[in-house]
Every structure is written in structure tokens, then in C-alpha cells.
Amino acid sequence: MRRSALSLLLAAVVACAPQEAVEITHAVVRPPIAGGDVAVGYFEIANHTDAAIELIGATSSAARTIEIHTHVHDGDMLRMRKLSSVAVDPGTQVSFAPGGHHLMLFGYGAGEADRITVTMEFGNGSARSVEFTVESRAR
């Protein structure tokens, strides 16, 4: 009985823990193909606030420059386009995933690192450092 009460108390504390206003999860980088220097980054970004947020850029010591891109249909072709920003409305989540929004990491030079840090920049002047897992190209 005592163990059950403790378990319930712990579950209640975890459930009441403050949630991050902007949550970034599932952050992964796929390194360049052999001989290349352009990697791609994917993640989920959730806005738990009452106001829209805007992702306007990203930087990392593992890349010369990072751009936000998306794919758009142009007739029968799927083309990549650079974006100046991506808005995340209140209470919503945006996926950066293959075939959609993603980060392009130009001049990628993390070598065999398992993780890299990317600093996400927002329209309100704030920034957040996010640890990205580097996935193997063998997947």
C-alpha cells in the first residue's frame, strides 16, 4: 500500500512538472553522402504558449552555415526551396521531416561525432541550443 501511494505521488509530481514553452524533440542529423559536405537536420518543434513563435535560423560550429528549407511541388517535380522562417502557431507542432521542412547544414564538418549542438534562433530574439543525434547513413 505504501509503495502504491508513493508511486501515485511521483506520477502526480511528474504530470505537474512545468512544460517547456517551446519544445524541440527527435532532433537528428543525417551526415553528407561520401565526398559531400551538406548534411540535413530533422526535428519536431511544439509551441506550448499562447502566441505564435517563428523559427528564423540556426547555427552550429559543425557547419559553415545552416538554412531552413522545404519541399514544394512544381508540376510533377518536387523542388527544394529556402525559407526565411517557419511559424509555429500556439498549441501546435511542426515536423521537420523528409519531404517537408528541414535544415540544410552546409560545410558540415563534424567528422565521426555522435552528436552536434545546433542553436535555434527565434523571431523574438531568443535562442535555444539543441543537441542533435548524428544518424548513420547506413539506415
N, C-alpha and C. Protein backbone atom coordinates (compact mmCIF):
# COMPACT_ATOMS: atom_id res chain seq x y z
N MET A 1 0.83 -1.19 0.00
CA MET A 1 0.00 0.00 0.00
C MET A 1 0.87 1.25 0.00
N ARG A 2 1.91 1.24 0.84
CA ARG A 2 2.79 2.40 0.94
C ARG A 2 3.50 2.66 -0.39
N ARG A 3 3.91 1.59 -1.07
CA ARG A 3 4.58 1.72 -2.37
C ARG A 3 3.63 2.28 -3.41
N SER A 4 2.35 1.88 -3.40
CA SER A 4 1.36 2.40 -4.34
C SER A 4 1.13 3.88 -4.13
N ALA A 5 1.05 4.33 -2.90
CA ALA A 5 0.85 5.74 -2.60
C ALA A 5 2.04 6.56 -3.08
N LEU A 6 3.25 6.05 -2.87
CA LEU A 6 4.46 6.73 -3.33
C LEU A 6 4.49 6.80 -4.85
N SER A 7 4.09 5.73 -5.51
CA SER A 7 4.04 5.72 -6.98
C SER A 7 3.04 6.75 -7.50
N LEU A 8 1.89 6.84 -6.87
CA LEU A 8 0.88 7.82 -7.28
C LEU A 8 1.37 9.24 -7.06
N LEU A 9 2.04 9.47 -5.95
CA LEU A 9 2.58 10.80 -5.66
C LEU A 9 3.63 11.19 -6.69
N LEU A 10 4.52 10.27 -7.02
CA LEU A 10 5.55 10.52 -8.02
C LEU A 10 4.93 10.81 -9.39
N ALA A 11 3.93 10.04 -9.79
CA ALA A 11 3.25 10.27 -11.06
C ALA A 11 2.58 11.64 -11.09
N ALA A 12 2.01 12.07 -9.99
CA ALA A 12 1.36 13.38 -9.92
C ALA A 12 2.38 14.50 -10.04
N VAL A 13 3.53 14.34 -9.39
CA VAL A 13 4.58 15.35 -9.48
C VAL A 13 5.09 15.47 -10.91
N VAL A 14 5.32 14.35 -11.58
CA VAL A 14 5.79 14.36 -12.97
C VAL A 14 4.75 15.00 -13.87
N ALA A 15 3.48 14.69 -13.67
CA ALA A 15 2.41 15.24 -14.50
C ALA A 15 2.28 16.75 -14.32
N CYS A 16 2.63 17.26 -13.14
CA CYS A 16 2.52 18.69 -12.87
C CYS A 16 3.80 19.46 -13.17
N ALA A 17 4.84 18.77 -13.60
CA ALA A 17 6.10 19.44 -13.90
C ALA A 17 5.88 20.46 -15.01
N PRO A 18 6.54 21.62 -14.90
CA PRO A 18 6.34 22.64 -15.92
C PRO A 18 6.81 22.16 -17.30
N GLN A 19 6.05 22.47 -18.30
CA GLN A 19 6.37 22.08 -19.67
C GLN A 19 7.11 23.24 -20.34
N GLU A 20 8.10 22.92 -21.16
CA GLU A 20 8.82 23.97 -21.86
C GLU A 20 7.86 24.71 -22.78
N ALA A 21 8.02 26.03 -22.87
CA ALA A 21 7.16 26.84 -23.73
C ALA A 21 7.32 26.43 -25.19
N VAL A 22 8.57 26.21 -25.61
CA VAL A 22 8.87 25.72 -26.95
C VAL A 22 9.67 24.45 -26.77
N GLU A 23 9.14 23.35 -27.26
CA GLU A 23 9.75 22.04 -27.07
C GLU A 23 10.29 21.52 -28.40
N ILE A 24 11.55 21.13 -28.42
CA ILE A 24 12.18 20.58 -29.62
C ILE A 24 12.62 19.16 -29.30
N THR A 25 12.08 18.20 -30.07
CA THR A 25 12.36 16.79 -29.81
C THR A 25 12.76 16.08 -31.09
N HIS A 26 13.21 14.86 -30.95
CA HIS A 26 13.57 13.98 -32.07
C HIS A 26 14.54 14.65 -33.04
N ALA A 27 15.51 15.38 -32.50
CA ALA A 27 16.47 16.12 -33.31
C ALA A 27 17.57 15.19 -33.82
N VAL A 28 17.63 15.03 -35.14
CA VAL A 28 18.64 14.17 -35.76
C VAL A 28 19.27 14.87 -36.96
N VAL A 29 20.52 14.52 -37.21
CA VAL A 29 21.23 15.00 -38.39
C VAL A 29 21.64 13.78 -39.20
N ARG A 30 21.40 13.85 -40.48
CA ARG A 30 21.91 12.82 -41.40
C ARG A 30 23.13 13.42 -42.07
N PRO A 31 24.31 12.82 -41.88
CA PRO A 31 25.54 13.39 -42.43
C PRO A 31 25.56 13.33 -43.95
N PRO A 32 26.50 14.06 -44.54
CA PRO A 32 26.60 14.09 -46.00
C PRO A 32 26.91 12.71 -46.59
N ILE A 33 26.54 12.55 -47.86
CA ILE A 33 26.96 11.34 -48.57
C ILE A 33 28.47 11.44 -48.78
N ALA A 34 29.10 10.33 -49.04
CA ALA A 34 30.56 10.28 -49.21
C ALA A 34 31.01 11.34 -50.21
N GLY A 35 32.00 12.13 -49.81
CA GLY A 35 32.53 13.17 -50.68
C GLY A 35 31.78 14.48 -50.62
N GLY A 36 30.66 14.52 -49.93
CA GLY A 36 29.87 15.74 -49.83
C GLY A 36 30.13 16.49 -48.53
N ASP A 37 29.58 17.69 -48.42
CA ASP A 37 29.70 18.45 -47.17
C ASP A 37 28.39 19.09 -46.76
N VAL A 38 27.27 18.54 -47.24
CA VAL A 38 25.95 19.07 -46.88
C VAL A 38 25.18 17.98 -46.12
N ALA A 39 24.83 18.30 -44.86
CA ALA A 39 24.04 17.39 -44.03
C ALA A 39 22.62 17.94 -43.94
N VAL A 40 21.72 17.13 -43.42
CA VAL A 40 20.33 17.55 -43.28
C VAL A 40 19.87 17.28 -41.84
N GLY A 41 19.07 18.21 -41.30
CA GLY A 41 18.58 18.08 -39.93
C GLY A 41 17.07 18.01 -39.88
N TYR A 42 16.59 17.12 -39.01
CA TYR A 42 15.15 16.92 -38.81
C TYR A 42 14.84 17.01 -37.32
N PHE A 43 13.62 17.44 -36.99
CA PHE A 43 13.19 17.54 -35.60
C PHE A 43 11.70 17.85 -35.55
N GLU A 44 11.16 17.84 -34.36
CA GLU A 44 9.78 18.26 -34.10
C GLU A 44 9.86 19.50 -33.21
N ILE A 45 9.06 20.51 -33.50
CA ILE A 45 9.01 21.70 -32.66
C ILE A 45 7.56 21.94 -32.26
N ALA A 46 7.32 22.03 -30.95
CA ALA A 46 5.98 22.24 -30.42
C ALA A 46 5.93 23.57 -29.68
N ASN A 47 4.84 24.29 -29.87
CA ASN A 47 4.62 25.59 -29.23
C ASN A 47 3.54 25.43 -28.17
N HIS A 48 3.94 25.48 -26.90
CA HIS A 48 3.01 25.32 -25.79
C HIS A 48 2.60 26.68 -25.20
N THR A 49 2.78 27.75 -25.97
CA THR A 49 2.44 29.09 -25.48
C THR A 49 1.13 29.56 -26.10
N ASP A 50 0.74 30.76 -25.75
CA ASP A 50 -0.48 31.37 -26.28
C ASP A 50 -0.21 32.27 -27.49
N ALA A 51 1.04 32.34 -27.92
CA ALA A 51 1.41 33.21 -29.04
C ALA A 51 2.20 32.42 -30.07
N ALA A 52 2.09 32.82 -31.32
CA ALA A 52 2.87 32.17 -32.37
C ALA A 52 4.35 32.42 -32.14
N ILE A 53 5.16 31.45 -32.52
CA ILE A 53 6.61 31.62 -32.49
C ILE A 53 7.10 31.46 -33.92
N GLU A 54 8.29 31.98 -34.17
CA GLU A 54 8.83 31.92 -35.52
C GLU A 54 10.29 31.49 -35.46
N LEU A 55 10.59 30.35 -36.08
CA LEU A 55 11.97 29.90 -36.22
C LEU A 55 12.56 30.64 -37.41
N ILE A 56 13.63 31.43 -37.16
CA ILE A 56 14.18 32.25 -38.24
C ILE A 56 15.58 31.83 -38.68
N GLY A 57 16.19 30.90 -37.95
CA GLY A 57 17.52 30.48 -38.35
C GLY A 57 18.13 29.50 -37.38
N ALA A 58 19.35 29.08 -37.70
CA ALA A 58 20.08 28.15 -36.84
C ALA A 58 21.57 28.29 -37.14
N THR A 59 22.39 27.99 -36.14
CA THR A 59 23.84 28.00 -36.30
C THR A 59 24.42 26.81 -35.57
N SER A 60 25.63 26.42 -35.97
CA SER A 60 26.35 25.34 -35.30
C SER A 60 27.82 25.43 -35.66
N SER A 61 28.67 25.07 -34.72
CA SER A 61 30.10 25.02 -35.02
C SER A 61 30.40 23.85 -35.95
N ALA A 62 29.43 22.94 -36.14
CA ALA A 62 29.62 21.78 -37.01
C ALA A 62 29.32 22.09 -38.48
N ALA A 63 28.88 23.31 -38.78
CA ALA A 63 28.53 23.68 -40.16
C ALA A 63 28.92 25.13 -40.43
N ARG A 64 29.30 25.39 -41.66
CA ARG A 64 29.63 26.75 -42.07
C ARG A 64 28.40 27.64 -42.00
N THR A 65 27.29 27.13 -42.50
CA THR A 65 26.02 27.87 -42.46
C THR A 65 24.87 26.86 -42.44
N ILE A 66 23.74 27.29 -41.87
CA ILE A 66 22.54 26.45 -41.83
C ILE A 66 21.39 27.26 -42.40
N GLU A 67 20.62 26.63 -43.27
CA GLU A 67 19.44 27.26 -43.86
C GLU A 67 18.21 26.40 -43.58
N ILE A 68 17.06 27.07 -43.49
CA ILE A 68 15.77 26.38 -43.37
C ILE A 68 15.25 26.16 -44.78
N HIS A 69 14.86 24.93 -45.09
CA HIS A 69 14.36 24.59 -46.42
C HIS A 69 13.05 23.83 -46.30
N THR A 70 12.34 23.75 -47.42
CA THR A 70 11.16 22.91 -47.53
C THR A 70 11.11 22.35 -48.94
N HIS A 71 10.24 21.40 -49.15
CA HIS A 71 9.99 20.86 -50.49
C HIS A 71 8.63 21.35 -50.96
N VAL A 72 8.55 21.74 -52.23
CA VAL A 72 7.28 22.16 -52.82
C VAL A 72 7.09 21.43 -54.14
N HIS A 73 5.84 21.15 -54.46
CA HIS A 73 5.53 20.53 -55.75
C HIS A 73 5.50 21.59 -56.83
N ASP A 74 6.22 21.34 -57.91
CA ASP A 74 6.27 22.23 -59.06
C ASP A 74 5.94 21.35 -60.27
N GLY A 75 4.63 21.27 -60.58
CA GLY A 75 4.19 20.33 -61.62
C GLY A 75 4.39 18.91 -61.11
N ASP A 76 5.15 18.13 -61.87
CA ASP A 76 5.44 16.75 -61.47
C ASP A 76 6.73 16.64 -60.65
N MET A 77 7.37 17.76 -60.42
CA MET A 77 8.66 17.77 -59.71
C MET A 77 8.50 18.20 -58.25
N LEU A 78 9.32 17.64 -57.40
CA LEU A 78 9.41 18.06 -56.02
C LEU A 78 10.71 18.85 -55.89
N ARG A 79 10.59 20.14 -55.59
CA ARG A 79 11.76 21.02 -55.55
C ARG A 79 11.98 21.55 -54.13
N MET A 80 13.25 21.77 -53.82
CA MET A 80 13.61 22.31 -52.53
C MET A 80 13.65 23.84 -52.62
N ARG A 81 13.12 24.50 -51.58
CA ARG A 81 13.11 25.95 -51.52
C ARG A 81 13.63 26.42 -50.16
N LYS A 82 14.42 27.49 -50.16
CA LYS A 82 14.89 28.10 -48.93
C LYS A 82 13.76 28.93 -48.34
N LEU A 83 13.61 28.87 -47.02
CA LEU A 83 12.62 29.65 -46.31
C LEU A 83 13.31 30.66 -45.39
N SER A 84 12.72 31.82 -45.22
CA SER A 84 13.28 32.80 -44.30
C SER A 84 12.86 32.51 -42.86
N SER A 85 11.74 31.79 -42.70
CA SER A 85 11.25 31.46 -41.36
C SER A 85 10.16 30.39 -41.45
N VAL A 86 9.86 29.81 -40.30
CA VAL A 86 8.74 28.88 -40.18
C VAL A 86 7.98 29.26 -38.91
N ALA A 87 6.69 29.54 -39.07
CA ALA A 87 5.84 29.90 -37.93
C ALA A 87 5.26 28.64 -37.30
N VAL A 88 5.17 28.66 -35.97
CA VAL A 88 4.53 27.58 -35.22
C VAL A 88 3.44 28.23 -34.39
N ASP A 89 2.20 27.98 -34.77
CA ASP A 89 1.06 28.59 -34.09
C ASP A 89 0.92 28.08 -32.66
N PRO A 90 0.23 28.83 -31.80
CA PRO A 90 0.03 28.40 -30.41
C PRO A 90 -0.63 27.03 -30.35
N GLY A 91 -0.11 26.19 -29.48
CA GLY A 91 -0.70 24.87 -29.25
C GLY A 91 -0.52 23.89 -30.39
N THR A 92 0.40 24.17 -31.31
CA THR A 92 0.61 23.26 -32.44
C THR A 92 2.05 22.76 -32.48
N GLN A 93 2.27 21.82 -33.38
CA GLN A 93 3.59 21.23 -33.58
C GLN A 93 3.89 21.22 -35.07
N VAL A 94 5.13 21.47 -35.44
CA VAL A 94 5.57 21.41 -36.83
C VAL A 94 6.68 20.37 -36.93
N SER A 95 6.55 19.50 -37.92
CA SER A 95 7.56 18.47 -38.16
C SER A 95 8.54 18.93 -39.21
N PHE A 96 9.81 18.79 -38.92
CA PHE A 96 10.88 18.96 -39.89
C PHE A 96 11.29 17.54 -40.23
N ALA A 97 10.86 17.06 -41.42
CA ALA A 97 10.99 15.65 -41.77
C ALA A 97 11.26 15.51 -43.26
N PRO A 98 11.75 14.34 -43.68
CA PRO A 98 11.98 14.11 -45.12
C PRO A 98 10.74 14.45 -45.94
N GLY A 99 10.95 15.16 -47.05
CA GLY A 99 9.85 15.53 -47.92
C GLY A 99 9.14 16.81 -47.52
N GLY A 100 9.59 17.44 -46.44
CA GLY A 100 8.97 18.67 -45.95
C GLY A 100 10.02 19.64 -45.46
N HIS A 101 9.70 20.34 -44.38
CA HIS A 101 10.66 21.28 -43.79
C HIS A 101 11.89 20.51 -43.30
N HIS A 102 13.06 21.12 -43.38
CA HIS A 102 14.29 20.53 -42.87
C HIS A 102 15.36 21.61 -42.78
N LEU A 103 16.43 21.31 -42.07
CA LEU A 103 17.59 22.19 -42.03
C LEU A 103 18.65 21.64 -42.98
N MET A 104 19.27 22.52 -43.74
CA MET A 104 20.41 22.16 -44.58
C MET A 104 21.66 22.71 -43.90
N LEU A 105 22.59 21.82 -43.58
CA LEU A 105 23.83 22.20 -42.91
C LEU A 105 24.95 22.18 -43.94
N PHE A 106 25.31 23.36 -44.44
CA PHE A 106 26.33 23.49 -45.48
C PHE A 106 27.71 23.58 -44.84
N GLY A 107 28.70 22.93 -45.47
CA GLY A 107 30.04 22.93 -44.91
C GLY A 107 30.12 22.12 -43.64
N TYR A 108 29.35 21.02 -43.60
CA TYR A 108 29.30 20.16 -42.42
C TYR A 108 30.67 19.56 -42.17
N GLY A 109 31.13 19.65 -40.94
CA GLY A 109 32.45 19.14 -40.62
C GLY A 109 32.55 18.53 -39.25
N ALA A 110 31.56 17.75 -38.84
CA ALA A 110 31.58 17.14 -37.52
C ALA A 110 32.30 15.80 -37.50
N GLY A 111 32.82 15.38 -38.65
CA GLY A 111 33.53 14.10 -38.70
C GLY A 111 32.68 12.94 -38.24
N GLU A 112 33.20 12.18 -37.30
CA GLU A 112 32.51 10.98 -36.80
C GLU A 112 31.76 11.23 -35.49
N ALA A 113 31.46 12.48 -35.19
CA ALA A 113 30.77 12.81 -33.93
C ALA A 113 29.42 12.12 -33.85
N ASP A 114 29.03 11.72 -32.64
CA ASP A 114 27.72 11.10 -32.40
C ASP A 114 26.63 12.14 -32.21
N ARG A 115 27.04 13.34 -31.80
CA ARG A 115 26.09 14.42 -31.51
C ARG A 115 26.71 15.76 -31.90
N ILE A 116 25.85 16.70 -32.27
CA ILE A 116 26.28 18.07 -32.50
C ILE A 116 25.26 19.00 -31.83
N THR A 117 25.69 20.20 -31.53
CA THR A 117 24.79 21.20 -30.95
C THR A 117 24.41 22.20 -32.03
N VAL A 118 23.11 22.44 -32.14
CA VAL A 118 22.58 23.44 -33.08
C VAL A 118 21.83 24.47 -32.25
N THR A 119 22.12 25.74 -32.48
CA THR A 119 21.41 26.81 -31.79
C THR A 119 20.30 27.31 -32.69
N MET A 120 19.06 27.14 -32.23
CA MET A 120 17.88 27.57 -32.96
C MET A 120 17.60 29.02 -32.60
N GLU A 121 17.33 29.85 -33.62
CA GLU A 121 17.10 31.28 -33.43
C GLU A 121 15.64 31.61 -33.74
N PHE A 122 15.03 32.40 -32.86
CA PHE A 122 13.62 32.72 -32.98
C PHE A 122 13.40 34.21 -33.25
N GLY A 123 12.26 34.52 -33.84
CA GLY A 123 11.92 35.87 -34.24
C GLY A 123 11.85 36.87 -33.10
N ASN A 124 11.64 36.40 -31.88
CA ASN A 124 11.55 37.30 -30.73
C ASN A 124 12.93 37.62 -30.15
N GLY A 125 14.00 37.14 -30.82
CA GLY A 125 15.35 37.40 -30.34
C GLY A 125 15.92 36.33 -29.44
N SER A 126 15.11 35.35 -29.07
CA SER A 126 15.60 34.28 -28.20
C SER A 126 16.29 33.20 -29.03
N ALA A 127 17.05 32.36 -28.34
CA ALA A 127 17.75 31.25 -28.99
C ALA A 127 17.74 30.06 -28.05
N ARG A 128 17.85 28.87 -28.61
CA ARG A 128 17.87 27.65 -27.82
C ARG A 128 18.87 26.69 -28.42
N SER A 129 19.79 26.19 -27.60
CA SER A 129 20.74 25.18 -28.05
C SER A 129 20.09 23.81 -27.94
N VAL A 130 20.18 23.03 -29.01
CA VAL A 130 19.56 21.72 -29.09
C VAL A 130 20.62 20.70 -29.50
N GLU A 131 20.66 19.60 -28.80
CA GLU A 131 21.59 18.54 -29.14
C GLU A 131 20.94 17.62 -30.19
N PHE A 132 21.59 17.49 -31.34
CA PHE A 132 21.13 16.64 -32.43
C PHE A 132 21.95 15.35 -32.42
N THR A 133 21.28 14.22 -32.56
CA THR A 133 21.96 12.94 -32.71
C THR A 133 22.34 12.78 -34.17
N VAL A 134 23.58 12.40 -34.44
CA VAL A 134 24.04 12.17 -35.81
C VAL A 134 23.73 10.72 -36.17
N GLU A 135 22.86 10.54 -37.17
CA GLU A 135 22.48 9.20 -37.58
C GLU A 135 23.43 8.67 -38.65
N SER A 136 23.54 7.40 -38.70
CA SER A 136 24.38 6.76 -39.72
C SER A 136 23.70 6.81 -41.06
N ARG A 137 24.47 6.99 -42.12
CA ARG A 137 23.93 6.95 -43.50
C ARG A 137 23.51 5.54 -43.87
N ALA A 138 23.90 4.55 -43.11
CA ALA A 138 23.60 3.16 -43.43
C ALA A 138 22.14 2.80 -43.18
N ARG A 139 21.36 3.69 -42.56
CA ARG A 139 19.96 3.39 -42.22
C ARG A 139 19.12 3.22 -43.44
